[in-house]
């Protein structure tokens, strides 16, 4: 049984100089089986064809919100309404699981300082929870493919180092052997590769970050995503807020 883990983030990992209006770093992971991913991919490609007349367009949360890079079509209120109805239905009905780690920068800096590595910490948490989720599937033949978007040589090199460090040292709740049972394949993809799973992770990351910053704010997107967050024995274990 083949599974994917798609990774994307909202905000940046910079603790030295950050936007006080968005003082958070969110790393979001989408876990999905190959079978369910094929269904999701077909629906998203049909959505793109419907609204942009092309399956090659990239769904990017910021571009959609700002009406940029071809999404100027959403200045038309009816088009925007129809698009959100369709994408919300796809996000609601598709079968995937979310694991996300959120670093609130101001309290984090007060507690730990500015030198700690928030990306490495977030990735460690996500990898650990992915293991718990895959264990719960009770299948002995699971093969996991982890996919992240390319950001630059320096950033990609650092991310791969984080990944390998978690493989080598394990986490508090999962030793190295247990992690390596699932985590065997890791690759970067360009945005232009049009990987639907990465676009879904991008669409999920921002509303999750907004919810963590202000749980009382109206956030319809998060209401759709919340049932997808990994739970175990009735408790939500897939949404980490740190510290």
C-alpha atoms as a PDB file:
ATOM      1  CA  UNK A   1       0.000   0.000   0.000  1.00  0.00           C
ATOM      2  CA  UNK A   2       1.488   3.304  -1.142  1.00  0.00           C
ATOM      3  CA  UNK A   3       1.025   6.484   0.889  1.00  0.00           C
ATOM      4  CA  UNK A   4       2.175  10.050   0.327  1.00  0.00           C
ATOM      5  CA  UNK A   5       3.197  12.770   2.756  1.00  0.00           C
ATOM      6  CA  UNK A   6       3.072  16.214   1.147  1.00  0.00           C
ATOM      7  CA  UNK A   7       4.722  19.076   3.041  1.00  0.00           C
ATOM      8  CA  UNK A   8       4.199  22.818   2.749  1.00  0.00           C
ATOM      9  CA  UNK A   9       4.407  25.772   5.098  1.00  0.00           C
ATOM     10  CA  UNK A  10       2.724  29.058   5.887  1.00  0.00           C
ATOM     11  CA  UNK A  11       4.869  31.894   7.178  1.00  0.00           C
ATOM     12  CA  UNK A  12       8.637  31.570   7.384  1.00  0.00           C
ATOM     13  CA  UNK A  13      11.080  30.111   9.886  1.00  0.00           C
ATOM     14  CA  UNK A  14      12.867  33.416  10.520  1.00  0.00           C
ATOM     15  CA  UNK A  15      12.911  34.279  14.217  1.00  0.00           C
ATOM     16  CA  UNK A  16      15.320  37.213  13.953  1.00  0.00           C
ATOM     17  CA  UNK A  17      13.061  39.474  11.907  1.00  0.00           C
ATOM     18  CA  UNK A  18       9.427  38.566  11.318  1.00  0.00           C
ATOM     19  CA  UNK A  19       6.143  40.188  10.406  1.00  0.00           C
ATOM     20  CA  UNK A  20       4.297  41.096  13.636  1.00  0.00           C
ATOM     21  CA  UNK A  21       1.014  40.804  11.729  1.00  0.00           C
ATOM     22  CA  UNK A  22       1.715  37.129  11.022  1.00  0.00           C
ATOM     23  CA  UNK A  23       3.988  35.913  13.859  1.00  0.00           C
ATOM     24  CA  UNK A  24       3.719  32.194  13.135  1.00  0.00           C
ATOM     25  CA  UNK A  25       5.407  29.378  11.270  1.00  0.00           C
ATOM     26  CA  UNK A  26       3.147  26.487  10.265  1.00  0.00           C
ATOM     27  CA  UNK A  27       4.396  23.278   8.677  1.00  0.00           C
ATOM     28  CA  UNK A  28       1.512  21.262   7.274  1.00  0.00           C
ATOM     29  CA  UNK A  29       1.600  17.623   6.228  1.00  0.00           C
ATOM     30  CA  UNK A  30      -1.047  15.903   4.112  1.00  0.00           C
ATOM     31  CA  UNK A  31      -1.134  12.105   4.443  1.00  0.00           C
ATOM     32  CA  UNK A  32      -3.037  10.252   1.756  1.00  0.00           C
ATOM     33  CA  UNK A  33      -3.083   6.801   0.187  1.00  0.00           C
ATOM     34  CA  UNK A  34      -2.278   6.413  -3.485  1.00  0.00           C
ATOM     35  CA  UNK A  35      -5.833   5.274  -4.224  1.00  0.00           C
ATOM     36  CA  UNK A  36      -7.402   8.309  -2.561  1.00  0.00           C
ATOM     37  CA  UNK A  37      -4.811  10.621  -4.060  1.00  0.00           C
ATOM     38  CA  UNK A  38      -5.721   9.547  -7.586  1.00  0.00           C
ATOM     39  CA  UNK A  39      -9.351  10.451  -6.877  1.00  0.00           C
ATOM     40  CA  UNK A  40      -8.395  13.811  -5.355  1.00  0.00           C
ATOM     41  CA  UNK A  41      -6.060  14.621  -8.223  1.00  0.00           C
ATOM     42  CA  UNK A  42      -8.782  13.971 -10.814  1.00  0.00           C
ATOM     43  CA  UNK A  43     -11.195  16.290  -9.000  1.00  0.00           C
ATOM     44  CA  UNK A  44      -8.659  19.122  -8.722  1.00  0.00           C
ATOM     45  CA  UNK A  45      -7.662  18.838 -12.375  1.00  0.00           C
ATOM     46  CA  UNK A  46     -11.328  19.045 -13.367  1.00  0.00           C
ATOM     47  CA  UNK A  47     -11.711  22.115 -11.132  1.00  0.00           C
ATOM     48  CA  UNK A  48      -8.772  23.828 -12.841  1.00  0.00           C
ATOM     49  CA  UNK A  49     -10.189  23.046 -16.263  1.00  0.00           C
ATOM     50  CA  UNK A  50     -13.555  24.463 -15.252  1.00  0.00           C
ATOM     51  CA  UNK A  51     -12.328  27.802 -13.926  1.00  0.00           C
ATOM     52  CA  UNK A  52      -9.030  28.441 -15.686  1.00  0.00           C
ATOM     53  CA  UNK A  53      -9.486  26.302 -18.813  1.00  0.00           C
ATOM     54  CA  UNK A  54      -6.154  24.633 -18.094  1.00  0.00           C
ATOM     55  CA  UNK A  55      -4.982  21.770 -15.899  1.00  0.00           C
ATOM     56  CA  UNK A  56      -1.502  23.318 -15.670  1.00  0.00           C
ATOM     57  CA  UNK A  57      -2.438  26.252 -13.430  1.00  0.00           C
ATOM     58  CA  UNK A  58      -1.001  26.118  -9.888  1.00  0.00           C
ATOM     59  CA  UNK A  59      -3.400  26.536  -6.971  1.00  0.00           C
ATOM     60  CA  UNK A  60      -1.513  28.776  -4.560  1.00  0.00           C
ATOM     61  CA  UNK A  61      -3.246  30.108  -1.470  1.00  0.00           C
ATOM     62  CA  UNK A  62      -1.730  33.589  -1.608  1.00  0.00           C
ATOM     63  CA  UNK A  63      -2.417  34.060  -5.320  1.00  0.00           C
ATOM     64  CA  UNK A  64      -6.040  33.061  -4.832  1.00  0.00           C
ATOM     65  CA  UNK A  65      -6.501  35.388  -1.835  1.00  0.00           C
ATOM     66  CA  UNK A  66      -4.791  38.316  -3.609  1.00  0.00           C
ATOM     67  CA  UNK A  67      -6.390  37.690  -7.032  1.00  0.00           C
ATOM     68  CA  UNK A  68      -2.953  37.380  -8.640  1.00  0.00           C
ATOM     69  CA  UNK A  69      -1.249  35.224 -11.319  1.00  0.00           C
ATOM     70  CA  UNK A  70      -4.376  34.458 -13.264  1.00  0.00           C
ATOM     71  CA  UNK A  71      -6.819  34.484 -10.359  1.00  0.00           C
ATOM     72  CA  UNK A  72      -8.052  37.961 -11.280  1.00  0.00           C
ATOM     73  CA  UNK A  73     -11.146  36.051 -12.417  1.00  0.00           C
ATOM     74  CA  UNK A  74     -12.232  36.130  -8.770  1.00  0.00           C
ATOM     75  CA  UNK A  75     -12.916  39.848  -8.971  1.00  0.00           C
ATOM     76  CA  UNK A  76     -16.152  38.508 -10.397  1.00  0.00           C
ATOM     77  CA  UNK A  77     -18.106  37.656  -7.256  1.00  0.00           C
ATOM     78  CA  UNK A  78     -20.145  34.851  -8.787  1.00  0.00           C
ATOM     79  CA  UNK A  79     -17.045  33.150 -10.204  1.00  0.00           C
ATOM     80  CA  UNK A  80     -15.317  33.401  -6.840  1.00  0.00           C
ATOM     81  CA  UNK A  81     -18.356  32.027  -5.016  1.00  0.00           C
ATOM     82  CA  UNK A  82     -18.671  29.105  -7.404  1.00  0.00           C
ATOM     83  CA  UNK A  83     -14.961  28.272  -7.135  1.00  0.00           C
ATOM     84  CA  UNK A  84     -15.000  28.254  -3.338  1.00  0.00           C
ATOM     85  CA  UNK A  85     -18.111  26.092  -3.269  1.00  0.00           C
ATOM     86  CA  UNK A  86     -16.375  23.553  -5.507  1.00  0.00           C
ATOM     87  CA  UNK A  87     -12.978  23.547  -3.782  1.00  0.00           C
ATOM     88  CA  UNK A  88     -14.586  23.405  -0.332  1.00  0.00           C
ATOM     89  CA  UNK A  89     -16.630  20.385  -1.381  1.00  0.00           C
ATOM     90  CA  UNK A  90     -13.509  18.644  -2.704  1.00  0.00           C
ATOM     91  CA  UNK A  91     -11.551  19.394   0.483  1.00  0.00           C
ATOM     92  CA  UNK A  92     -14.475  18.188   2.593  1.00  0.00           C
ATOM     93  CA  UNK A  93     -15.263  14.962   0.748  1.00  0.00           C
ATOM     94  CA  UNK A  94     -11.727  13.772  -0.055  1.00  0.00           C
ATOM     95  CA  UNK A  95     -10.097  11.207   2.202  1.00  0.00           C
ATOM     96  CA  UNK A  96      -6.817  12.559   3.602  1.00  0.00           C
ATOM     97  CA  UNK A  97      -5.332  13.293   7.013  1.00  0.00           C
ATOM     98  CA  UNK A  98      -3.646  16.455   8.258  1.00  0.00           C
ATOM     99  CA  UNK A  99      -0.741  16.757  10.681  1.00  0.00           C
ATOM    100  CA  UNK A 100       0.465  20.297  11.355  1.00  0.00           C
ATOM    101  CA  UNK A 101       2.942  21.942  13.703  1.00  0.00           C
ATOM    102  CA  UNK A 102       2.571  25.629  14.531  1.00  0.00           C
ATOM    103  CA  UNK A 103       5.278  27.785  16.101  1.00  0.00           C
ATOM    104  CA  UNK A 104       4.008  30.983  17.722  1.00  0.00           C
ATOM    105  CA  UNK A 105       7.109  33.109  17.313  1.00  0.00           C
ATOM    106  CA  UNK A 106       6.762  35.682  20.078  1.00  0.00           C
ATOM    107  CA  UNK A 107       6.182  33.252  22.990  1.00  0.00           C
ATOM    108  CA  UNK A 108       8.678  30.838  21.443  1.00  0.00           C
ATOM    109  CA  UNK A 109      11.411  33.480  21.398  1.00  0.00           C
ATOM    110  CA  UNK A 110      10.660  34.493  24.990  1.00  0.00           C
ATOM    111  CA  UNK A 111      11.023  30.887  26.108  1.00  0.00           C
ATOM    112  CA  UNK A 112      13.803  29.537  23.883  1.00  0.00           C
ATOM    113  CA  UNK A 113      15.517  32.507  22.239  1.00  0.00           C
ATOM    114  CA  UNK A 114      16.017  33.229  18.547  1.00  0.00           C
ATOM    115  CA  UNK A 115      18.626  30.614  17.669  1.00  0.00           C
ATOM    116  CA  UNK A 116      16.578  27.442  17.791  1.00  0.00           C
ATOM    117  CA  UNK A 117      15.492  25.647  14.644  1.00  0.00           C
ATOM    118  CA  UNK A 118      11.732  25.814  14.228  1.00  0.00           C
ATOM    119  CA  UNK A 119      11.685  23.922  10.913  1.00  0.00           C
ATOM    120  CA  UNK A 120      13.577  20.968  12.342  1.00  0.00           C
ATOM    121  CA  UNK A 121      11.313  20.910  15.399  1.00  0.00           C
ATOM    122  CA  UNK A 122       8.182  21.030  13.239  1.00  0.00           C
ATOM    123  CA  UNK A 123       9.370  18.316  10.871  1.00  0.00           C
ATOM    124  CA  UNK A 124      10.257  16.054  13.779  1.00  0.00           C
ATOM    125  CA  UNK A 125       6.739  16.402  15.177  1.00  0.00           C
ATOM    126  CA  UNK A 126       5.095  15.717  11.827  1.00  0.00           C
ATOM    127  CA  UNK A 127       7.210  12.646  11.096  1.00  0.00           C
ATOM    128  CA  UNK A 128       6.391  11.262  14.528  1.00  0.00           C
ATOM    129  CA  UNK A 129       2.646  11.723  14.111  1.00  0.00           C
ATOM    130  CA  UNK A 130       2.716  10.278  10.612  1.00  0.00           C
ATOM    131  CA  UNK A 131       4.190   7.123  12.126  1.00  0.00           C
ATOM    132  CA  UNK A 132       1.375   6.942  14.657  1.00  0.00           C
ATOM    133  CA  UNK A 133      -1.173   7.369  11.872  1.00  0.00           C
ATOM    134  CA  UNK A 134       0.381   4.710   9.644  1.00  0.00           C
ATOM    135  CA  UNK A 135       0.634   2.309  12.584  1.00  0.00           C
ATOM    136  CA  UNK A 136      -3.092   2.765  13.124  1.00  0.00           C
ATOM    137  CA  UNK A 137      -3.766   1.562   9.565  1.00  0.00           C
ATOM    138  CA  UNK A 138      -2.561  -1.888  10.648  1.00  0.00           C
ATOM    139  CA  UNK A 139      -1.012  -2.746   7.279  1.00  0.00           C
ATOM    140  CA  UNK A 140       2.361  -4.442   7.045  1.00  0.00           C
ATOM    141  CA  UNK A 141       3.186  -3.413   3.478  1.00  0.00           C
ATOM    142  CA  UNK A 142       2.955   0.402   3.623  1.00  0.00           C
ATOM    143  CA  UNK A 143       5.454   2.357   1.503  1.00  0.00           C
ATOM    144  CA  UNK A 144       5.602   6.104   2.244  1.00  0.00           C
ATOM    145  CA  UNK A 145       6.792   8.779  -0.183  1.00  0.00           C
ATOM    146  CA  UNK A 146       7.571  12.178   1.349  1.00  0.00           C
ATOM    147  CA  UNK A 147       7.394  15.103  -1.071  1.00  0.00           C
ATOM    148  CA  UNK A 148       8.327  18.735  -0.420  1.00  0.00           C
ATOM    149  CA  UNK A 149       8.456  21.721  -2.730  1.00  0.00           C
ATOM    150  CA  UNK A 150      11.838  23.026  -3.842  1.00  0.00           C
ATOM    151  CA  UNK A 151      12.654  26.416  -2.325  1.00  0.00           C
ATOM    152  CA  UNK A 152      16.359  26.873  -3.059  1.00  0.00           C
ATOM    153  CA  UNK A 153      19.618  24.939  -2.708  1.00  0.00           C
ATOM    154  CA  UNK A 154      20.361  26.202   0.807  1.00  0.00           C
ATOM    155  CA  UNK A 155      16.836  25.674   2.089  1.00  0.00           C
ATOM    156  CA  UNK A 156      16.472  22.255   0.457  1.00  0.00           C
ATOM    157  CA  UNK A 157      19.829  21.108   1.823  1.00  0.00           C
ATOM    158  CA  UNK A 158      18.799  22.182   5.330  1.00  0.00           C
ATOM    159  CA  UNK A 159      15.433  20.395   5.064  1.00  0.00           C
ATOM    160  CA  UNK A 160      17.058  17.176   3.899  1.00  0.00           C
ATOM    161  CA  UNK A 161      19.464  17.413   6.835  1.00  0.00           C
ATOM    162  CA  UNK A 162      16.537  17.804   9.240  1.00  0.00           C
ATOM    163  CA  UNK A 163      14.879  14.777   7.701  1.00  0.00           C
ATOM    164  CA  UNK A 164      18.010  12.619   7.960  1.00  0.00           C
ATOM    165  CA  UNK A 165      18.649  13.735  11.538  1.00  0.00           C
ATOM    166  CA  UNK A 166      15.180  12.580  12.577  1.00  0.00           C
ATOM    167  CA  UNK A 167      15.791   9.263  10.820  1.00  0.00           C
ATOM    168  CA  UNK A 168      19.075   8.811  12.689  1.00  0.00           C
ATOM    169  CA  UNK A 169      18.131   9.952  16.184  1.00  0.00           C
ATOM    170  CA  UNK A 170      14.390   9.266  16.344  1.00  0.00           C
ATOM    171  CA  UNK A 171      12.033  11.324  18.493  1.00  0.00           C
ATOM    172  CA  UNK A 172      10.929  11.175  22.124  1.00  0.00           C
ATOM    173  CA  UNK A 173       8.034   8.831  21.299  1.00  0.00           C
ATOM    174  CA  UNK A 174       9.455   6.982  18.267  1.00  0.00           C
ATOM    175  CA  UNK A 175      12.930   5.514  17.948  1.00  0.00           C
ATOM    176  CA  UNK A 176      15.009   5.514  14.777  1.00  0.00           C
ATOM    177  CA  UNK A 177      14.094   1.963  13.803  1.00  0.00           C
ATOM    178  CA  UNK A 178      10.397   2.687  14.010  1.00  0.00           C
ATOM    179  CA  UNK A 179      10.764   5.834  11.897  1.00  0.00           C
ATOM    180  CA  UNK A 180      12.857   4.103   9.242  1.00  0.00           C
ATOM    181  CA  UNK A 181      10.191   1.431   8.896  1.00  0.00           C
ATOM    182  CA  UNK A 182       8.089   3.963   6.962  1.00  0.00           C
ATOM    183  CA  UNK A 183      10.309   6.854   5.956  1.00  0.00           C
ATOM    184  CA  UNK A 184      12.371   5.524   3.068  1.00  0.00           C
ATOM    185  CA  UNK A 185      11.739   7.905   0.170  1.00  0.00           C
ATOM    186  CA  UNK A 186      12.103  11.691   0.118  1.00  0.00           C
ATOM    187  CA  UNK A 187      12.114  14.008  -2.881  1.00  0.00           C
ATOM    188  CA  UNK A 188      11.758  17.662  -3.830  1.00  0.00           C
ATOM    189  CA  UNK A 189       9.490  18.866  -6.607  1.00  0.00           C
ATOM    190  CA  UNK A 190       9.389  22.183  -8.431  1.00  0.00           C
ATOM    191  CA  UNK A 191       6.243  24.287  -8.210  1.00  0.00           C
ATOM    192  CA  UNK A 192       6.002  24.034 -12.008  1.00  0.00           C
ATOM    193  CA  UNK A 193       5.750  20.232 -11.669  1.00  0.00           C
ATOM    194  CA  UNK A 194       2.133  20.897 -10.717  1.00  0.00           C
ATOM    195  CA  UNK A 195       1.981  18.379  -7.858  1.00  0.00           C
ATOM    196  CA  UNK A 196      -1.604  18.374  -6.632  1.00  0.00           C
ATOM    197  CA  UNK A 197      -0.687  17.087  -3.159  1.00  0.00           C
ATOM    198  CA  UNK A 198       1.650  20.036  -2.557  1.00  0.00           C
ATOM    199  CA  UNK A 199      -1.096  22.430  -3.635  1.00  0.00           C
ATOM    200  CA  UNK A 200      -3.509  20.821  -1.182  1.00  0.00           C
ATOM    201  CA  UNK A 201      -0.929  21.193   1.603  1.00  0.00           C
ATOM    202  CA  UNK A 202      -0.532  24.859   0.653  1.00  0.00           C
ATOM    203  CA  UNK A 203      -4.294  25.444   0.686  1.00  0.00           C
ATOM    204  CA  UNK A 204      -4.541  23.831   4.132  1.00  0.00           C
ATOM    205  CA  UNK A 205      -1.558  25.512   5.805  1.00  0.00           C
ATOM    206  CA  UNK A 206      -2.791  29.118   5.740  1.00  0.00           C
ATOM    207  CA  UNK A 207      -6.245  28.617   7.348  1.00  0.00           C
ATOM    208  CA  UNK A 208      -4.640  26.403   9.992  1.00  0.00           C
ATOM    209  CA  UNK A 209      -2.138  29.159  10.796  1.00  0.00           C
ATOM    210  CA  UNK A 210      -4.941  31.716  10.939  1.00  0.00           C
ATOM    211  CA  UNK A 211      -6.920  29.513  13.315  1.00  0.00           C
ATOM    212  CA  UNK A 212      -3.940  29.138  15.658  1.00  0.00           C
ATOM    213  CA  UNK A 213      -3.360  32.908  15.669  1.00  0.00           C
ATOM    214  CA  UNK A 214      -7.020  33.637  16.407  1.00  0.00           C
ATOM    215  CA  UNK A 215      -9.311  30.683  17.183  1.00  0.00           C
ATOM    216  CA  UNK A 216     -12.305  33.035  17.506  1.00  0.00           C
ATOM    217  CA  UNK A 217     -11.964  34.530  14.025  1.00  0.00           C
ATOM    218  CA  UNK A 218     -14.450  33.425  11.369  1.00  0.00           C
ATOM    219  CA  UNK A 219     -12.565  30.749   9.431  1.00  0.00           C
ATOM    220  CA  UNK A 220     -14.774  28.639   7.195  1.00  0.00           C
ATOM    221  CA  UNK A 221     -11.806  26.929   5.572  1.00  0.00           C
ATOM    222  CA  UNK A 222     -10.569  25.663   8.923  1.00  0.00           C
ATOM    223  CA  UNK A 223     -14.028  24.344   9.766  1.00  0.00           C
ATOM    224  CA  UNK A 224     -13.760  22.139   6.676  1.00  0.00           C
ATOM    225  CA  UNK A 225     -10.206  21.066   7.503  1.00  0.00           C
ATOM    226  CA  UNK A 226     -10.626  20.388  11.218  1.00  0.00           C
ATOM    227  CA  UNK A 227     -12.282  16.940  10.810  1.00  0.00           C
ATOM    228  CA  UNK A 228      -9.272  15.925   8.691  1.00  0.00           C
ATOM    229  CA  UNK A 229      -6.781  16.558  11.489  1.00  0.00           C
ATOM    230  CA  UNK A 230      -5.296  13.337  12.831  1.00  0.00           C
ATOM    231  CA  UNK A 231      -7.115  12.031  15.891  1.00  0.00           C
ATOM    232  CA  UNK A 232      -6.436   9.011  18.068  1.00  0.00           C
ATOM    233  CA  UNK A 233      -8.823   7.492  20.615  1.00  0.00           C
ATOM    234  CA  UNK A 234     -11.076  10.506  20.203  1.00  0.00           C
ATOM    235  CA  UNK A 235      -8.335  13.054  20.887  1.00  0.00           C
ATOM    236  CA  UNK A 236      -6.797  15.442  18.389  1.00  0.00           C
ATOM    237  CA  UNK A 237      -3.104  14.587  18.024  1.00  0.00           C
ATOM    238  CA  UNK A 238      -2.390  16.169  14.657  1.00  0.00           C
ATOM    239  CA  UNK A 239      -2.360  19.863  15.542  1.00  0.00           C
ATOM    240  CA  UNK A 240       0.639  20.962  17.579  1.00  0.00           C
ATOM    241  CA  UNK A 241       0.866  24.524  18.900  1.00  0.00           C
ATOM    242  CA  UNK A 242       4.262  25.417  20.314  1.00  0.00           C
ATOM    243  CA  UNK A 243       5.082  26.563  22.897  1.00  0.00           C
END
